[in-house]
Amino acid sequence: MSAAVEGIASAVRGRRLRAVDVAAEALARIERTDPVLCAFAEVWGGEALRRAGEVDARVAAGEPLPLAGVPVAVKGRRGLRAAGPLLEAGCVAVGATSVPGPGTSWQTWGLGAHGRTVNPWRADRTPGGSSAGAAVAVAAGLVPLATGSDGAGSVRIPAAWCGVVGLKVTGGRLPSPDRTGLASPGVLTRTAADATAWWRVVSGRTGEAVAAPSFPVTAIWSPDLGFAAPAPGPVALARASVDRLVDAGVVRLTRPPVWPQPLLVDPAPAWLALRTPGADPADAHRVRAVNDRRLDALFARTGLLLTPTAPTAPHGHDGPGDVYSTALTWAFNVSGHPALSLPAGFGTDGCPAGLQLVAARGQEEVLLAVAREAERRGAVVRGPRA
């Protein structure tokens, strides 16, 4: 699968395409489809075309913009504040994507300008959240790149449920307004190569030669992290995805470390305590310390931890029921490890699922390299929109 971001940027830099025309096409796609998908809270038509004109002028002046003319959607109405490096690199912001509206404590949904955000594969299902519109905009091909933020799984869950790539970076590695330290910036794209292009810009590593890991990368598979109770469907899809990676020579499974307790301690009480003003953080720090020790031991002997991204298939718009959609993701917000959701195929309901890849802190390049290699070797199952 081709990398849309690099293709657009190369064509605009080479003046085979104008950024203004690329932006106009993206805006036309949004105008046609967003009344149904409800992926955008705001669309910045005139401003986007003005910014695109500035990109064309910068290219004509000889600026080597790594993301020249690439349309980007930013998460929420305040998302433009964090998009400075992307705009400086030549991206054109076309609008703000939907996030959850008021009135509910569950965050796996979105509210756009035209109504509730729908899953592009089944309109009666949620796309996940809270980066809801971002995942939908990318999955539906409205933009090749959308920013997100992930405090408990808010990038990875919608990536899984919409069938796209979603990366959460190491806690504290990039600026975040979250006072708890649980939320990290992230990105949603259709390919790992496109996510890599984003990462190189926001991490300041554009143009650097980065050493690739040796394949196969060692990995440990856990369907439940030792405490969750995921449904059979997402587990089966994620495990089938792991088997494809193994068969393609991308990963090699090893045994997990042996200790008498579960692989990790359930982080739910710790996460909730850290997010609740006035709560006693003592137990949260204890759980974090235990899991940090276990994860340090795990990554001392293997390159990756593999799990299903979400414990359930996408739920309806009336809510998730009693199962936390974050059960398999928020441990890595508490610990700060980088994690990526890779498309893992489709369930019997016609909705996508995801495989979560977790690496040691600071190892975003390993996650992206494994995902790129999986795509290159044909080990990633995608739907017709890809």
Protein backbone atom coordinates (compact mmCIF):
# COMPACT_ATOMS: atom_id res chain seq x y z
CA MET A 1 0.00 0.00 0.00
CA SER A 2 1.39 3.38 -0.99
CA ALA A 3 2.18 6.12 1.48
CA ALA A 4 -0.17 8.99 0.74
CA VAL A 5 1.69 11.52 2.87
CA GLU A 6 5.05 11.06 1.14
CA GLY A 7 3.39 10.94 -2.28
CA ILE A 8 1.56 14.24 -1.78
CA ALA A 9 4.57 15.98 -0.26
CA SER A 10 6.91 14.80 -3.00
CA ALA A 11 4.53 15.94 -5.74
CA VAL A 12 4.02 19.38 -4.15
CA ARG A 13 7.74 19.84 -3.53
CA GLY A 14 8.40 18.85 -7.16
CA ARG A 15 5.67 21.29 -8.26
CA ARG A 16 3.74 18.51 -10.02
CA LEU A 17 0.84 19.34 -7.72
CA ARG A 18 -0.20 22.56 -6.05
CA ALA A 19 -0.98 22.51 -2.36
CA VAL A 20 -4.04 24.65 -3.13
CA ASP A 21 -5.45 21.93 -5.39
CA VAL A 22 -4.73 19.19 -2.86
CA ALA A 23 -6.51 21.17 -0.15
CA ALA A 24 -9.47 21.92 -2.44
CA GLU A 25 -9.87 18.21 -3.20
CA ALA A 26 -9.79 17.32 0.49
CA LEU A 27 -12.37 20.00 1.28
CA ALA A 28 -14.61 18.69 -1.51
CA ARG A 29 -14.41 15.16 -0.10
CA ILE A 30 -15.32 16.45 3.34
CA GLU A 31 -18.25 18.45 1.98
CA ARG A 32 -19.63 15.38 0.19
CA THR A 33 -19.32 12.86 2.98
CA ASP A 34 -19.22 14.60 6.35
CA PRO A 35 -22.99 15.14 6.61
CA VAL A 36 -23.19 11.34 6.90
CA LEU A 37 -20.00 10.53 8.82
CA CYS A 38 -20.01 13.59 11.13
CA ALA A 39 -16.23 13.40 11.52
CA PHE A 40 -15.64 17.16 11.75
CA ALA A 41 -16.64 19.68 14.37
CA GLU A 42 -15.39 22.53 12.17
CA VAL A 43 -14.14 22.78 8.59
CA TRP A 44 -11.78 25.64 7.79
CA GLY A 45 -12.32 26.00 4.06
CA GLY A 46 -11.14 29.52 3.35
CA GLU A 47 -8.35 29.39 5.90
CA ALA A 48 -7.14 26.05 4.54
CA LEU A 49 -6.93 27.40 1.01
CA ARG A 50 -5.06 30.46 2.25
CA ARG A 51 -2.57 28.29 4.13
CA ALA A 52 -2.17 26.07 1.09
CA GLY A 53 -1.35 29.11 -1.01
CA GLU A 54 1.34 30.00 1.50
CA VAL A 55 2.78 26.49 1.20
CA ASP A 56 2.95 26.84 -2.58
CA ALA A 57 4.77 30.14 -2.15
CA ARG A 58 7.23 28.58 0.31
CA VAL A 59 7.92 25.72 -2.11
CA ALA A 60 8.47 28.20 -4.94
CA ALA A 61 10.94 30.03 -2.71
CA GLY A 62 12.94 26.84 -2.29
CA GLU A 63 11.93 25.72 1.20
CA PRO A 64 12.40 21.93 1.53
CA LEU A 65 9.13 21.20 3.32
CA PRO A 66 8.93 17.53 4.40
CA LEU A 67 5.12 17.52 4.54
CA ALA A 68 4.42 20.05 1.78
CA GLY A 69 0.72 20.31 1.02
CA VAL A 70 -0.40 17.34 3.12
CA PRO A 71 -3.95 17.90 4.41
CA VAL A 72 -4.21 17.29 8.15
CA ALA A 73 -7.19 17.17 10.47
CA VAL A 74 -6.56 18.18 14.08
CA LYS A 75 -8.30 16.70 17.11
CA GLY A 76 -10.90 19.02 18.55
CA ARG A 77 -11.34 22.75 18.22
CA ARG A 78 -8.18 23.39 20.26
CA GLY A 79 -6.08 20.95 18.26
CA LEU A 80 -4.46 23.61 16.12
CA ARG A 81 -2.45 24.78 19.15
CA ALA A 82 -0.39 21.58 19.06
CA ALA A 83 -0.03 21.43 15.28
CA GLY A 84 2.79 23.98 14.98
CA PRO A 85 5.51 21.52 13.85
CA LEU A 86 3.18 20.06 11.21
CA LEU A 87 2.25 23.47 9.81
CA GLU A 88 5.88 24.50 9.80
CA ALA A 89 6.67 21.33 7.83
CA GLY A 90 4.08 22.27 5.19
CA CYS A 91 0.87 20.57 6.33
CA VAL A 92 -2.43 22.29 5.62
CA ALA A 93 -4.98 22.08 8.45
CA VAL A 94 -8.45 21.58 6.95
CA GLY A 95 -10.54 21.29 10.09
CA ALA A 96 -11.11 20.13 13.66
CA THR A 97 -12.34 16.58 14.15
CA SER A 98 -15.13 15.48 16.45
CA VAL A 99 -14.62 14.49 20.07
CA PRO A 100 -17.15 13.38 22.70
CA GLY A 101 -19.81 15.89 23.58
CA PRO A 102 -21.23 16.58 27.03
CA GLY A 103 -23.60 14.36 28.93
CA THR A 104 -21.88 11.00 29.21
CA SER A 105 -19.01 9.54 31.18
CA TRP A 106 -17.98 7.14 28.39
CA GLN A 107 -15.65 8.55 25.79
CA THR A 108 -15.77 6.06 22.91
CA TRP A 109 -17.89 8.27 20.67
CA GLY A 110 -17.84 11.67 18.98
CA LEU A 111 -20.12 14.62 18.25
CA GLY A 112 -19.55 16.44 14.96
CA ALA A 113 -21.14 19.51 13.46
CA HIS A 114 -23.78 17.35 11.73
CA GLY A 115 -24.47 14.97 14.62
CA ARG A 116 -22.99 11.90 16.23
CA THR A 117 -19.92 10.46 14.55
CA VAL A 118 -20.51 7.08 12.93
CA ASN A 119 -18.19 4.20 12.25
CA PRO A 120 -17.38 4.23 8.51
CA TRP A 121 -17.86 0.45 8.34
CA ARG A 122 -21.23 0.35 10.15
CA ALA A 123 -23.21 3.49 10.80
CA ASP A 124 -25.00 1.93 13.77
CA ARG A 125 -21.67 1.50 15.60
CA THR A 126 -19.38 4.01 17.25
CA PRO A 127 -15.92 4.70 15.79
CA GLY A 128 -14.35 4.74 19.25
CA GLY A 129 -12.87 7.76 20.92
CA SER A 130 -12.05 10.17 22.10
CA SER A 131 -10.16 10.75 18.81
CA ALA A 132 -13.37 9.72 17.09
CA GLY A 133 -13.53 12.05 14.10
CA ALA A 134 -9.80 11.73 13.51
CA ALA A 135 -10.07 7.98 12.96
CA VAL A 136 -13.14 8.32 10.75
CA ALA A 137 -11.60 11.08 8.61
CA VAL A 138 -8.54 8.92 7.94
CA ALA A 139 -10.43 5.63 7.45
CA ALA A 140 -12.83 7.24 4.98
CA GLY A 141 -10.00 8.83 3.00
CA LEU A 142 -10.97 12.42 3.76
CA VAL A 143 -7.42 13.21 4.91
CA PRO A 144 -4.28 11.06 5.04
CA LEU A 145 -3.22 12.32 8.46
CA ALA A 146 -5.06 13.29 11.64
CA THR A 147 -3.71 14.22 15.03
CA GLY A 148 -4.95 12.67 18.25
CA SER A 149 -4.24 12.52 21.94
CA ASP A 150 -4.32 9.40 24.04
CA GLY A 151 -4.97 9.42 27.77
CA ALA A 152 -6.38 5.90 28.13
CA GLY A 153 -6.55 4.55 24.58
CA SER A 154 -8.09 7.53 22.81
CA VAL A 155 -5.92 7.08 19.69
CA ARG A 156 -5.54 3.30 19.71
CA ILE A 157 -9.18 2.31 20.29
CA PRO A 158 -10.64 4.37 17.40
CA ALA A 159 -7.74 3.26 15.21
CA ALA A 160 -8.67 -0.37 15.92
CA TRP A 161 -12.41 0.13 15.44
CA CYS A 162 -11.95 2.08 12.19
CA GLY A 163 -9.21 -0.13 10.71
CA VAL A 164 -6.33 2.37 10.62
CA VAL A 165 -2.92 2.80 12.24
CA GLY A 166 -2.84 4.66 15.55
CA LEU A 167 0.33 5.58 17.46
CA LYS A 168 0.61 6.86 21.05
CA VAL A 169 4.07 8.16 21.86
CA THR A 170 6.09 7.68 25.03
CA GLY A 171 4.71 9.63 27.98
CA GLY A 172 6.48 12.97 28.38
CA ARG A 173 8.40 12.71 25.11
CA LEU A 174 6.28 15.37 23.38
CA PRO A 175 4.46 18.34 24.98
CA SER A 176 1.01 17.60 26.41
CA PRO A 177 -1.38 19.87 28.30
CA ASP A 178 -2.56 16.98 30.50
CA ARG A 179 -1.72 17.79 34.13
CA THR A 180 -1.77 14.09 35.15
CA GLY A 181 0.89 13.00 32.67
CA LEU A 182 -1.36 10.19 31.43
CA ALA A 183 -2.16 11.69 28.03
CA SER A 184 0.34 11.71 25.17
CA PRO A 185 0.09 13.05 21.63
CA GLY A 186 -0.57 10.60 18.84
CA VAL A 187 -1.48 10.24 15.19
CA LEU A 188 -3.90 8.29 13.01
CA THR A 189 -2.98 7.32 9.44
CA ARG A 190 -3.77 4.65 6.89
CA THR A 191 -0.20 3.33 6.70
CA ALA A 192 2.75 2.97 9.00
CA ALA A 193 4.85 4.93 6.50
CA ASP A 194 2.52 7.89 6.91
CA ALA A 195 2.71 7.62 10.70
CA THR A 196 6.49 7.54 10.37
CA ALA A 197 6.44 10.76 8.36
CA TRP A 198 4.47 12.41 11.18
CA TRP A 199 6.83 11.04 13.82
CA ARG A 200 9.97 12.25 12.06
CA VAL A 201 8.58 15.80 11.96
CA VAL A 202 7.21 16.05 15.51
CA SER A 203 10.28 14.38 17.01
CA GLY A 204 12.66 16.63 15.07
CA ARG A 205 14.28 13.69 13.27
CA THR A 206 13.46 14.64 9.68
CA GLY A 207 16.28 13.60 7.39
CA GLU A 208 18.03 11.46 10.01
CA ALA A 209 19.06 7.93 9.15
CA VAL A 210 17.46 5.65 11.75
CA ALA A 211 18.70 2.10 12.18
CA ALA A 212 16.00 -0.52 11.59
CA PRO A 213 15.66 -3.45 13.98
CA SER A 214 16.70 -6.91 12.89
CA PHE A 215 13.80 -9.08 11.80
CA PRO A 216 12.19 -11.06 13.22
CA VAL A 217 11.74 -8.93 16.33
CA THR A 218 11.14 -10.95 19.49
CA ALA A 219 7.66 -10.55 20.95
CA ILE A 220 5.44 -11.78 23.77
CA TRP A 221 1.73 -12.37 23.13
CA SER A 222 -0.84 -11.81 25.87
CA PRO A 223 -4.57 -11.91 25.12
CA ASP A 224 -5.55 -10.26 28.40
CA LEU A 225 -2.44 -8.89 30.20
CA GLY A 226 -3.38 -11.23 33.03
CA PHE A 227 -6.38 -9.27 34.33
CA ALA A 228 -8.74 -8.23 31.50
CA ALA A 229 -11.64 -10.32 30.19
CA PRO A 230 -11.70 -9.62 26.44
CA ALA A 231 -14.37 -11.08 24.19
CA PRO A 232 -13.37 -14.06 22.04
CA GLY A 233 -13.82 -12.21 18.75
CA PRO A 234 -11.22 -9.45 19.18
CA VAL A 235 -8.80 -11.94 20.75
CA ALA A 236 -9.11 -14.32 17.80
CA LEU A 237 -8.58 -11.53 15.27
CA ALA A 238 -5.55 -10.19 17.14
CA ARG A 239 -4.06 -13.66 17.50
CA ALA A 240 -4.56 -14.33 13.78
CA SER A 241 -2.75 -11.07 13.12
CA VAL A 242 0.13 -12.22 15.32
CA ASP A 243 0.29 -15.50 13.40
CA ARG A 244 0.54 -13.58 10.11
CA LEU A 245 3.41 -11.53 11.51
CA VAL A 246 5.16 -14.71 12.62
CA ASP A 247 4.60 -16.45 9.27
CA ALA A 248 5.93 -13.39 7.43
CA GLY A 249 9.08 -13.34 9.55
CA VAL A 250 8.31 -9.96 11.12
CA VAL A 251 8.17 -11.20 14.73
CA ARG A 252 9.23 -14.28 16.66
CA LEU A 253 7.22 -15.24 19.74
CA THR A 254 9.00 -15.92 23.02
CA ARG A 255 7.73 -16.97 26.43
CA PRO A 256 6.75 -14.26 28.93
CA PRO A 257 8.72 -13.85 32.15
CA VAL A 258 7.66 -16.23 34.89
CA TRP A 259 6.33 -14.87 38.17
CA PRO A 260 3.50 -16.02 40.41
CA GLN A 261 1.14 -13.10 39.73
CA PRO A 262 -0.61 -12.08 36.48
CA LEU A 263 1.50 -10.46 33.76
CA LEU A 264 0.43 -6.98 34.97
CA VAL A 265 -1.68 -5.64 37.79
CA ASP A 266 -5.00 -4.16 36.65
CA PRO A 267 -4.26 -0.42 36.25
CA ALA A 268 -7.88 0.73 36.45
CA PRO A 269 -7.80 1.93 40.09
CA ALA A 270 -4.46 3.64 39.52
CA TRP A 271 -5.65 5.41 36.37
CA LEU A 272 -8.86 6.56 38.02
CA ALA A 273 -7.03 7.81 41.12
CA LEU A 274 -4.54 9.76 39.03
CA ARG A 275 -7.40 11.37 37.08
CA THR A 276 -9.54 12.22 40.11
CA PRO A 277 -8.74 15.50 41.89
CA GLY A 278 -8.27 14.98 45.61
CA ALA A 279 -7.94 11.19 45.39
CA ASP A 280 -5.22 9.50 47.45
CA PRO A 281 -2.49 8.59 44.93
CA ALA A 282 -0.69 6.09 47.20
CA ASP A 283 -2.28 2.97 45.70
CA ALA A 284 -1.86 4.38 42.21
CA HIS A 285 1.86 4.82 42.77
CA ARG A 286 2.08 1.28 44.18
CA VAL A 287 0.36 -0.23 41.13
CA ARG A 288 2.50 1.85 38.81
CA ALA A 289 5.68 0.72 40.55
CA VAL A 290 4.72 -2.96 40.34
CA ASN A 291 3.81 -2.76 36.67
CA ASP A 292 6.91 -0.71 35.86
CA ARG A 293 9.10 -3.41 37.37
CA ARG A 294 7.32 -6.11 35.41
CA LEU A 295 7.47 -4.20 32.15
CA ASP A 296 11.15 -3.42 32.67
CA ALA A 297 11.78 -7.15 33.12
CA LEU A 298 9.68 -7.99 30.08
CA PHE A 299 11.39 -5.54 27.74
CA ALA A 300 14.80 -6.60 29.00
CA ARG A 301 14.20 -9.93 27.28
CA THR A 302 11.96 -9.09 24.32
CA GLY A 303 11.33 -6.30 21.84
CA LEU A 304 7.53 -6.17 21.81
CA LEU A 305 4.43 -6.96 23.83
CA LEU A 306 1.42 -7.86 21.66
CA THR A 307 -2.24 -7.73 22.76
CA PRO A 308 -5.65 -7.07 21.26
CA THR A 309 -6.17 -3.31 21.13
CA ALA A 310 -9.72 -3.31 22.46
CA PRO A 311 -11.50 -6.00 24.48
CA THR A 312 -14.72 -5.75 22.49
CA ALA A 313 -15.99 -5.00 19.01
CA PRO A 314 -17.35 -1.48 18.40
CA HIS A 315 -20.50 -0.93 20.43
CA GLY A 316 -23.68 0.86 19.46
CA HIS A 317 -24.37 4.54 19.97
CA ASP A 318 -26.24 3.83 23.19
CA GLY A 319 -23.00 3.10 25.06
CA PRO A 320 -20.47 0.39 25.84
CA GLY A 321 -22.30 -1.45 28.63
CA ASP A 322 -20.24 -2.69 31.55
CA VAL A 323 -16.95 -3.38 29.75
CA TYR A 324 -14.22 -0.75 29.77
CA SER A 325 -13.03 -0.30 26.18
CA THR A 326 -9.74 0.87 27.70
CA ALA A 327 -9.04 -2.40 29.54
CA LEU A 328 -6.02 -3.30 27.38
CA THR A 329 -4.71 0.17 26.60
CA TRP A 330 -4.61 2.33 29.70
CA ALA A 331 -1.88 0.33 31.43
CA PHE A 332 0.53 1.95 28.98
CA ASN A 333 -0.73 5.44 29.75
CA VAL A 334 0.03 4.81 33.41
CA SER A 335 3.45 3.32 32.57
CA GLY A 336 4.22 5.75 29.72
CA HIS A 337 5.21 3.11 27.16
CA PRO A 338 4.66 3.86 23.46
CA ALA A 339 2.01 1.74 21.76
CA LEU A 340 0.61 1.31 18.26
CA SER A 341 -2.62 -0.22 16.97
CA LEU A 342 -2.28 -2.12 13.70
CA PRO A 343 -5.32 -3.26 11.66
CA ALA A 344 -6.06 -6.90 12.52
CA GLY A 345 -8.91 -7.82 10.20
CA PHE A 346 -12.69 -7.85 10.50
CA GLY A 347 -15.15 -9.56 12.80
CA THR A 348 -18.37 -11.31 11.85
CA ASP A 349 -20.15 -7.99 12.45
CA GLY A 350 -18.18 -6.41 9.59
CA CYS A 351 -16.22 -4.11 11.92
CA PRO A 352 -12.43 -3.89 12.17
CA ALA A 353 -10.29 -4.90 15.12
CA GLY A 354 -6.73 -4.01 16.10
CA LEU A 355 -3.52 -5.60 17.29
CA GLN A 356 -1.70 -3.51 19.91
CA LEU A 357 2.10 -3.38 19.75
CA VAL A 358 3.89 -2.04 22.85
CA ALA A 359 7.63 -1.30 23.04
CA ALA A 360 10.09 -0.06 25.62
CA ARG A 361 9.97 3.65 26.43
CA GLY A 362 11.45 5.78 23.68
CA GLN A 363 11.19 3.01 21.07
CA GLU A 364 8.62 4.54 18.71
CA GLU A 365 10.95 3.78 15.80
CA VAL A 366 10.77 0.05 16.59
CA LEU A 367 6.96 0.08 16.59
CA LEU A 368 6.87 1.96 13.29
CA ALA A 369 9.53 -0.23 11.68
CA VAL A 370 7.65 -3.41 12.63
CA ALA A 371 4.38 -1.98 11.33
CA ARG A 372 6.00 -0.88 8.06
CA GLU A 373 7.60 -4.28 7.59
CA ALA A 374 4.30 -6.01 8.31
CA GLU A 375 2.66 -3.92 5.59
CA ARG A 376 5.54 -4.50 3.17
CA ARG A 377 5.33 -8.28 3.63
CA GLY A 378 1.55 -8.36 3.21
CA ALA A 379 0.81 -9.35 6.81
CA VAL A 380 -1.79 -6.63 7.49
CA VAL A 381 -5.45 -7.27 6.64
CA ARG A 382 -7.33 -4.22 5.39
CA GLY A 383 -10.74 -3.51 3.96
CA PRO A 384 -11.69 -2.13 0.54
CA ARG A 385 -11.18 1.54 1.50
CA ALA A 386 -7.44 0.90 1.92
